C-alpha cells in the first residue's frame, strides 16, 4: 500500500487516467473527487462488497443505517 500526504486541492494520478483530488478536509473526514474514464467503475468499498455478494443496487446500508 502506498501512503501519501496531500493537502486540499492537491491531486493524485493513478495509471495516467484516474485523478483523485482532495476536495475538502473537515476534522477526521476527507472529501475526494475522482475523475475516471466511464469504463472504469468507481465505488465505495461497502458498495463494491455488496455488488460482489450480489445484493441489488439500492439495498446496501450505510454505517449506522439499516438497509431498506
PDB file of N, CA and C in Angstrom:
ATOM      1  N   UNK A   1       0.859  -1.173   0.000  1.00  0.00           N
ATOM      2  CA  UNK A   1       0.000   0.000   0.000  1.00  0.00           C
ATOM      3  C   UNK A   1       0.906   1.236   0.000  1.00  0.00           C
ATOM      4  N   UNK A   2       0.599   2.140  -0.879  1.00  0.00           N
ATOM      5  CA  UNK A   2       1.281   3.431  -0.924  1.00  0.00           C
ATOM      6  C   UNK A   2       0.509   4.407  -0.043  1.00  0.00           C
ATOM      7  N   UNK A   3       1.194   5.088   0.858  1.00  0.00           N
ATOM      8  CA  UNK A   3       0.554   6.062   1.740  1.00  0.00           C
ATOM      9  C   UNK A   3       1.125   7.428   1.412  1.00  0.00           C
ATOM     10  N   UNK A   4       0.239   8.383   1.097  1.00  0.00           N
ATOM     11  CA  UNK A   4       0.651   9.727   0.712  1.00  0.00           C
ATOM     12  C   UNK A   4       0.016  10.763   1.614  1.00  0.00           C
ATOM     13  N   UNK A   5       0.682  11.874   1.753  1.00  0.00           N
ATOM     14  CA  UNK A   5       0.092  13.040   2.416  1.00  0.00           C
ATOM     15  C   UNK A   5      -0.260  14.042   1.333  1.00  0.00           C
ATOM     16  N   UNK A   6      -1.456  14.572   1.388  1.00  0.00           N
ATOM     17  CA  UNK A   6      -1.920  15.556   0.410  1.00  0.00           C
ATOM     18  C   UNK A   6      -2.661  16.648   1.162  1.00  0.00           C
ATOM     19  N   UNK A   7      -2.681  17.842   0.586  1.00  0.00           N
ATOM     20  CA  UNK A   7      -3.431  18.964   1.134  1.00  0.00           C
ATOM     21  C   UNK A   7      -4.631  19.231   0.233  1.00  0.00           C
ATOM     22  N   UNK A   8      -5.549  20.052   0.728  1.00  0.00           N
ATOM     23  CA  UNK A   8      -6.730  20.408  -0.055  1.00  0.00           C
ATOM     24  C   UNK A   8      -6.309  20.910  -1.434  1.00  0.00           C
ATOM     25  N   UNK A   9      -7.045  20.496  -2.453  1.00  0.00           N
ATOM     26  CA  UNK A   9      -6.852  20.842  -3.864  1.00  0.00           C
ATOM     27  C   UNK A   9      -5.654  20.157  -4.514  1.00  0.00           C
ATOM     28  N   UNK A  10      -4.921  19.328  -3.784  1.00  0.00           N
ATOM     29  CA  UNK A  10      -3.838  18.563  -4.406  1.00  0.00           C
ATOM     30  C   UNK A  10      -4.415  17.298  -5.015  1.00  0.00           C
ATOM     31  N   UNK A  11      -3.669  16.738  -5.979  1.00  0.00           N
ATOM     32  CA  UNK A  11      -4.186  15.599  -6.748  1.00  0.00           C
ATOM     33  C   UNK A  11      -3.214  14.436  -6.745  1.00  0.00           C
ATOM     34  N   UNK A  12      -3.778  13.270  -7.024  1.00  0.00           N
ATOM     35  CA  UNK A  12      -3.019  12.039  -7.223  1.00  0.00           C
ATOM     36  C   UNK A  12      -3.485  11.463  -8.554  1.00  0.00           C
ATOM     37  N   UNK A  13      -2.553  11.011  -9.381  1.00  0.00           N
ATOM     38  CA  UNK A  13      -2.898  10.409 -10.670  1.00  0.00           C
ATOM     39  C   UNK A  13      -2.584   8.919 -10.604  1.00  0.00           C
ATOM     40  N   UNK A  14      -3.548   8.101 -11.007  1.00  0.00           N
ATOM     41  CA  UNK A  14      -3.408   6.647 -10.988  1.00  0.00           C
ATOM     42  C   UNK A  14      -3.502   6.123 -12.416  1.00  0.00           C
ATOM     43  N   UNK A  15      -2.482   5.432 -12.858  1.00  0.00           N
ATOM     44  CA  UNK A  15      -2.499   4.813 -14.178  1.00  0.00           C
ATOM     45  C   UNK A  15      -2.615   5.791 -15.325  1.00  0.00           C
ATOM     46  N   UNK A  16      -2.353   7.049 -15.091  1.00  0.00           N
ATOM     47  CA  UNK A  16      -2.389   8.048 -16.157  1.00  0.00           C
ATOM     48  C   UNK A  16      -3.785   8.483 -16.567  1.00  0.00           C
ATOM     49  N   UNK A  17      -4.834   7.823 -16.049  1.00  0.00           N
ATOM     50  CA  UNK A  17      -6.183   8.179 -16.493  1.00  0.00           C
ATOM     51  C   UNK A  17      -7.166   8.407 -15.346  1.00  0.00           C
ATOM     52  N   UNK A  18      -6.751   8.161 -14.112  1.00  0.00           N
ATOM     53  CA  UNK A  18      -7.623   8.380 -12.954  1.00  0.00           C
ATOM     54  C   UNK A  18      -6.991   9.467 -12.095  1.00  0.00           C
ATOM     55  N   UNK A  19      -7.775  10.504 -11.794  1.00  0.00           N
ATOM     56  CA  UNK A  19      -7.285  11.616 -10.986  1.00  0.00           C
ATOM     57  C   UNK A  19      -8.123  11.708  -9.720  1.00  0.00           C
ATOM     58  N   UNK A  20      -7.447  11.680  -8.585  1.00  0.00           N
ATOM     59  CA  UNK A  20      -8.103  11.819  -7.284  1.00  0.00           C
ATOM     60  C   UNK A  20      -7.707  13.171  -6.726  1.00  0.00           C
ATOM     61  N   UNK A  21      -8.711  14.013  -6.420  1.00  0.00           N
ATOM     62  CA  UNK A  21      -8.474  15.356  -5.902  1.00  0.00           C
ATOM     63  C   UNK A  21      -8.979  15.438  -4.470  1.00  0.00           C
ATOM     64  N   UNK A  22      -8.187  16.027  -3.590  1.00  0.00           N
ATOM     65  CA  UNK A  22      -8.625  16.282  -2.227  1.00  0.00           C
ATOM     66  C   UNK A  22      -9.508  17.522  -2.288  1.00  0.00           C
ATOM     67  N   UNK A  23     -10.807  17.343  -2.102  1.00  0.00           N
ATOM     68  CA  UNK A  23     -11.769  18.426  -2.246  1.00  0.00           C
ATOM     69  C   UNK A  23     -11.920  19.212  -0.946  1.00  0.00           C
ATOM     70  N   UNK A  24     -11.955  18.485   0.188  1.00  0.00           N
ATOM     71  CA  UNK A  24     -12.167  19.158   1.470  1.00  0.00           C
ATOM     72  C   UNK A  24     -11.657  18.268   2.586  1.00  0.00           C
ATOM     73  N   UNK A  25     -11.232  18.885   3.671  1.00  0.00           N
ATOM     74  CA  UNK A  25     -10.805  18.162   4.871  1.00  0.00           C
ATOM     75  C   UNK A  25     -11.510  18.815   6.049  1.00  0.00           C
ATOM     76  N   UNK A  26     -12.310  18.026   6.763  1.00  0.00           N
ATOM     77  CA  UNK A  26     -13.037  18.529   7.940  1.00  0.00           C
ATOM     78  C   UNK A  26     -12.862  17.534   9.065  1.00  0.00           C
ATOM     79  N   UNK A  27     -12.100  17.921  10.072  1.00  0.00           N
ATOM     80  CA  UNK A  27     -11.868  17.019  11.195  1.00  0.00           C
ATOM     81  C   UNK A  27     -11.213  15.742  10.719  1.00  0.00           C
ATOM     82  N   UNK A  28     -11.875  14.609  10.971  1.00  0.00           N
ATOM     83  CA  UNK A  28     -11.310  13.319  10.583  1.00  0.00           C
ATOM     84  C   UNK A  28     -11.869  12.800   9.255  1.00  0.00           C
ATOM     85  N   UNK A  29     -12.545  13.664   8.491  1.00  0.00           N
ATOM     86  CA  UNK A  29     -13.107  13.252   7.204  1.00  0.00           C
ATOM     87  C   UNK A  29     -12.432  13.996   6.054  1.00  0.00           C
ATOM     88  N   UNK A  30     -12.204  13.260   4.979  1.00  0.00           N
ATOM     89  CA  UNK A  30     -11.618  13.819   3.767  1.00  0.00           C
ATOM     90  C   UNK A  30     -12.610  13.601   2.637  1.00  0.00           C
ATOM     91  N   UNK A  31     -12.918  14.649   1.879  1.00  0.00           N
ATOM     92  CA  UNK A  31     -13.787  14.505   0.705  1.00  0.00           C
ATOM     93  C   UNK A  31     -12.898  14.400  -0.514  1.00  0.00           C
ATOM     94  N   UNK A  32     -13.160  13.384  -1.329  1.00  0.00           N
ATOM     95  CA  UNK A  32     -12.373  13.133  -2.521  1.00  0.00           C
ATOM     96  C   UNK A  32     -13.211  13.340  -3.773  1.00  0.00           C
ATOM     97  N   UNK A  33     -12.605  13.891  -4.787  1.00  0.00           N
ATOM     98  CA  UNK A  33     -13.212  13.942  -6.110  1.00  0.00           C
ATOM     99  C   UNK A  33     -12.446  12.970  -6.983  1.00  0.00           C
ATOM    100  N   UNK A  34     -13.147  12.130  -7.728  1.00  0.00           N
ATOM    101  CA  UNK A  34     -12.491  11.114  -8.545  1.00  0.00           C
ATOM    102  C   UNK A  34     -12.927  11.271  -9.990  1.00  0.00           C
ATOM    103  N   UNK A  35     -11.949  11.467 -10.857  1.00  0.00           N
ATOM    104  CA  UNK A  35     -12.204  11.542 -12.301  1.00  0.00           C
ATOM    105  C   UNK A  35     -11.633  10.279 -12.916  1.00  0.00           C
ATOM    106  N   UNK A  36     -12.490   9.515 -13.606  1.00  0.00           N
ATOM    107  CA  UNK A  36     -12.059   8.271 -14.236  1.00  0.00           C
ATOM    108  C   UNK A  36     -12.822   8.090 -15.529  1.00  0.00           C
ATOM    109  N   UNK A  37     -12.238   7.365 -16.489  1.00  0.00           N
ATOM    110  CA  UNK A  37     -12.974   7.071 -17.723  1.00  0.00           C
ATOM    111  C   UNK A  37     -14.266   6.314 -17.400  1.00  0.00           C
ATOM    112  N   UNK A  38     -15.266   6.463 -18.238  1.00  0.00           N
ATOM    113  CA  UNK A  38     -16.568   5.837 -17.996  1.00  0.00           C
ATOM    114  C   UNK A  38     -16.482   4.322 -17.851  1.00  0.00           C
ATOM    115  N   UNK A  39     -15.512   3.697 -18.512  1.00  0.00           N
ATOM    116  CA  UNK A  39     -15.416   2.235 -18.449  1.00  0.00           C
ATOM    117  C   UNK A  39     -14.766   1.742 -17.150  1.00  0.00           C
ATOM    118  N   UNK A  40     -14.311   2.648 -16.298  1.00  0.00           N
ATOM    119  CA  UNK A  40     -13.692   2.276 -15.024  1.00  0.00           C
ATOM    120  C   UNK A  40     -14.712   2.486 -13.904  1.00  0.00           C
ATOM    121  N   UNK A  41     -15.210   1.406 -13.291  1.00  0.00           N
ATOM    122  CA  UNK A  41     -16.172   1.579 -12.203  1.00  0.00           C
ATOM    123  C   UNK A  41     -15.486   2.155 -10.966  1.00  0.00           C
ATOM    124  N   UNK A  42     -16.165   3.087 -10.304  1.00  0.00           N
ATOM    125  CA  UNK A  42     -15.661   3.690  -9.069  1.00  0.00           C
ATOM    126  C   UNK A  42     -16.764   3.536  -8.020  1.00  0.00           C
ATOM    127  N   UNK A  43     -16.472   2.788  -6.964  1.00  0.00           N
ATOM    128  CA  UNK A  43     -17.450   2.524  -5.911  1.00  0.00           C
ATOM    129  C   UNK A  43     -16.787   2.675  -4.549  1.00  0.00           C
ATOM    130  N   UNK A  44     -17.603   3.030  -3.538  1.00  0.00           N
ATOM    131  CA  UNK A  44     -17.122   2.932  -2.158  1.00  0.00           C
ATOM    132  C   UNK A  44     -16.919   1.450  -1.865  1.00  0.00           C
ATOM    133  N   UNK A  45     -16.036   1.129  -0.927  1.00  0.00           N
ATOM    134  CA  UNK A  45     -15.713  -0.267  -0.620  1.00  0.00           C
ATOM    135  C   UNK A  45     -16.946  -1.071  -0.224  1.00  0.00           C
ATOM    136  N   UNK A  46     -17.829  -0.489   0.620  1.00  0.00           N
ATOM    137  CA  UNK A  46     -19.000  -1.251   1.057  1.00  0.00           C
ATOM    138  C   UNK A  46     -19.955  -1.521  -0.107  1.00  0.00           C
ATOM    139  N   UNK A  47     -20.014  -0.628  -1.074  1.00  0.00           N
ATOM    140  CA  UNK A  47     -20.850  -0.852  -2.260  1.00  0.00           C
ATOM    141  C   UNK A  47     -20.235  -1.947  -3.127  1.00  0.00           C
ATOM    142  N   UNK A  48     -18.921  -1.902  -3.308  1.00  0.00           N
ATOM    143  CA  UNK A  48     -18.235  -2.935  -4.084  1.00  0.00           C
ATOM    144  C   UNK A  48     -18.431  -4.309  -3.452  1.00  0.00           C
ATOM    145  N   UNK A  49     -18.336  -4.382  -2.125  1.00  0.00           N
ATOM    146  CA  UNK A  49     -18.562  -5.655  -1.431  1.00  0.00           C
ATOM    147  C   UNK A  49     -19.979  -6.162  -1.670  1.00  0.00           C
ATOM    148  N   UNK A  50     -20.962  -5.264  -1.616  1.00  0.00           N
ATOM    149  CA  UNK A  50     -22.355  -5.650  -1.848  1.00  0.00           C
ATOM    150  C   UNK A  50     -22.551  -6.141  -3.279  1.00  0.00           C
ATOM    151  N   UNK A  51     -21.916  -5.483  -4.225  1.00  0.00           N
ATOM    152  CA  UNK A  51     -22.005  -5.907  -5.631  1.00  0.00           C
ATOM    153  C   UNK A  51     -21.449  -7.317  -5.769  1.00  0.00           C
ATOM    154  N   UNK A  52     -20.304  -7.557  -5.139  1.00  0.00           N
ATOM    155  CA  UNK A  52     -19.693  -8.885  -5.228  1.00  0.00           C
ATOM    156  C   UNK A  52     -20.530  -9.954  -4.548  1.00  0.00           C
ATOM    157  N   UNK A  53     -21.307  -9.569  -3.509  1.00  0.00           N
ATOM    158  CA  UNK A  53     -22.210 -10.515  -2.831  1.00  0.00           C
ATOM    159  C   UNK A  53     -23.507 -10.702  -3.606  1.00  0.00           C
ATOM    160  N   UNK A  54     -23.759  -9.847  -4.597  1.00  0.00           N
ATOM    161  CA  UNK A  54     -24.969  -9.971  -5.386  1.00  0.00           C
ATOM    162  C   UNK A  54     -26.155  -9.240  -4.803  1.00  0.00           C
ATOM    163  N   UNK A  55     -25.913  -8.291  -3.903  1.00  0.00           N
ATOM    164  CA  UNK A  55     -27.004  -7.508  -3.326  1.00  0.00           C
ATOM    165  C   UNK A  55     -27.478  -6.498  -4.368  1.00  0.00           C
ATOM    166  N   UNK A  56     -28.795  -6.410  -4.633  1.00  0.00           N
ATOM    167  CA  UNK A  56     -29.289  -5.445  -5.620  1.00  0.00           C
ATOM    168  C   UNK A  56     -28.914  -4.017  -5.246  1.00  0.00           C
ATOM    169  N   UNK A  57     -28.660  -3.184  -6.259  1.00  0.00           N
ATOM    170  CA  UNK A  57     -28.315  -1.785  -6.018  1.00  0.00           C
ATOM    171  C   UNK A  57     -29.416  -1.103  -5.236  1.00  0.00           C
ATOM    172  N   UNK A  58     -29.038  -0.203  -4.323  1.00  0.00           N
ATOM    173  CA  UNK A  58     -30.012   0.492  -3.502  1.00  0.00           C
ATOM    174  C   UNK A  58     -30.361  -0.255  -2.230  1.00  0.00           C
ATOM    175  N   UNK A  59     -29.878  -1.478  -2.064  1.00  0.00           N
ATOM    176  CA  UNK A  59     -30.175  -2.276  -0.872  1.00  0.00           C
ATOM    177  C   UNK A  59     -28.999  -2.300   0.112  1.00  0.00           C
ATOM    178  N   UNK A  60     -27.950  -1.567  -0.181  1.00  0.00           N
ATOM    179  CA  UNK A  60     -26.824  -1.516   0.747  1.00  0.00           C
ATOM    180  C   UNK A  60     -27.143  -0.524   1.852  1.00  0.00           C
ATOM    181  N   UNK A  61     -26.500  -0.689   2.983  1.00  0.00           N
ATOM    182  CA  UNK A  61     -26.738   0.236   4.092  1.00  0.00           C
ATOM    183  C   UNK A  61     -25.468   0.997   4.401  1.00  0.00           C
ATOM    184  N   UNK A  62     -25.654   2.197   4.911  1.00  0.00           N
ATOM    185  CA  UNK A  62     -24.533   2.995   5.385  1.00  0.00           C
ATOM    186  C   UNK A  62     -24.292   2.627   6.827  1.00  0.00           C
ATOM    187  N   UNK A  63     -23.053   2.862   7.321  1.00  0.00           N
ATOM    188  CA  UNK A  63     -22.806   2.560   8.728  1.00  0.00           C
ATOM    189  C   UNK A  63     -23.827   3.277   9.619  1.00  0.00           C
ATOM    190  N   UNK A  64     -24.448   2.529  10.521  1.00  0.00           N
ATOM    191  CA  UNK A  64     -25.425   3.108  11.429  1.00  0.00           C
ATOM    192  C   UNK A  64     -26.834   3.203  10.873  1.00  0.00           C
ATOM    193  N   UNK A  65     -27.000   2.884   9.591  1.00  0.00           N
ATOM    194  CA  UNK A  65     -28.335   2.940   8.982  1.00  0.00           C
ATOM    195  C   UNK A  65     -28.692   1.544   8.466  1.00  0.00           C
ATOM    196  N   UNK A  66     -29.862   1.035   8.816  1.00  0.00           N
ATOM    197  CA  UNK A  66     -30.260  -0.288   8.326  1.00  0.00           C
ATOM    198  C   UNK A  66     -30.586  -0.253   6.838  1.00  0.00           C
ATOM    199  N   UNK A  67     -30.393  -1.381   6.181  1.00  0.00           N
ATOM    200  CA  UNK A  67     -30.750  -1.494   4.761  1.00  0.00           C
ATOM    201  C   UNK A  67     -32.253  -1.437   4.621  1.00  0.00           C
ATOM    202  N   UNK A  68     -32.729  -0.887   3.516  1.00  0.00           N
ATOM    203  CA  UNK A  68     -34.186  -0.767   3.272  1.00  0.00           C
ATOM    204  C   UNK A  68     -34.772  -2.113   2.906  1.00  0.00           C
TER     205      UNK A  68
END
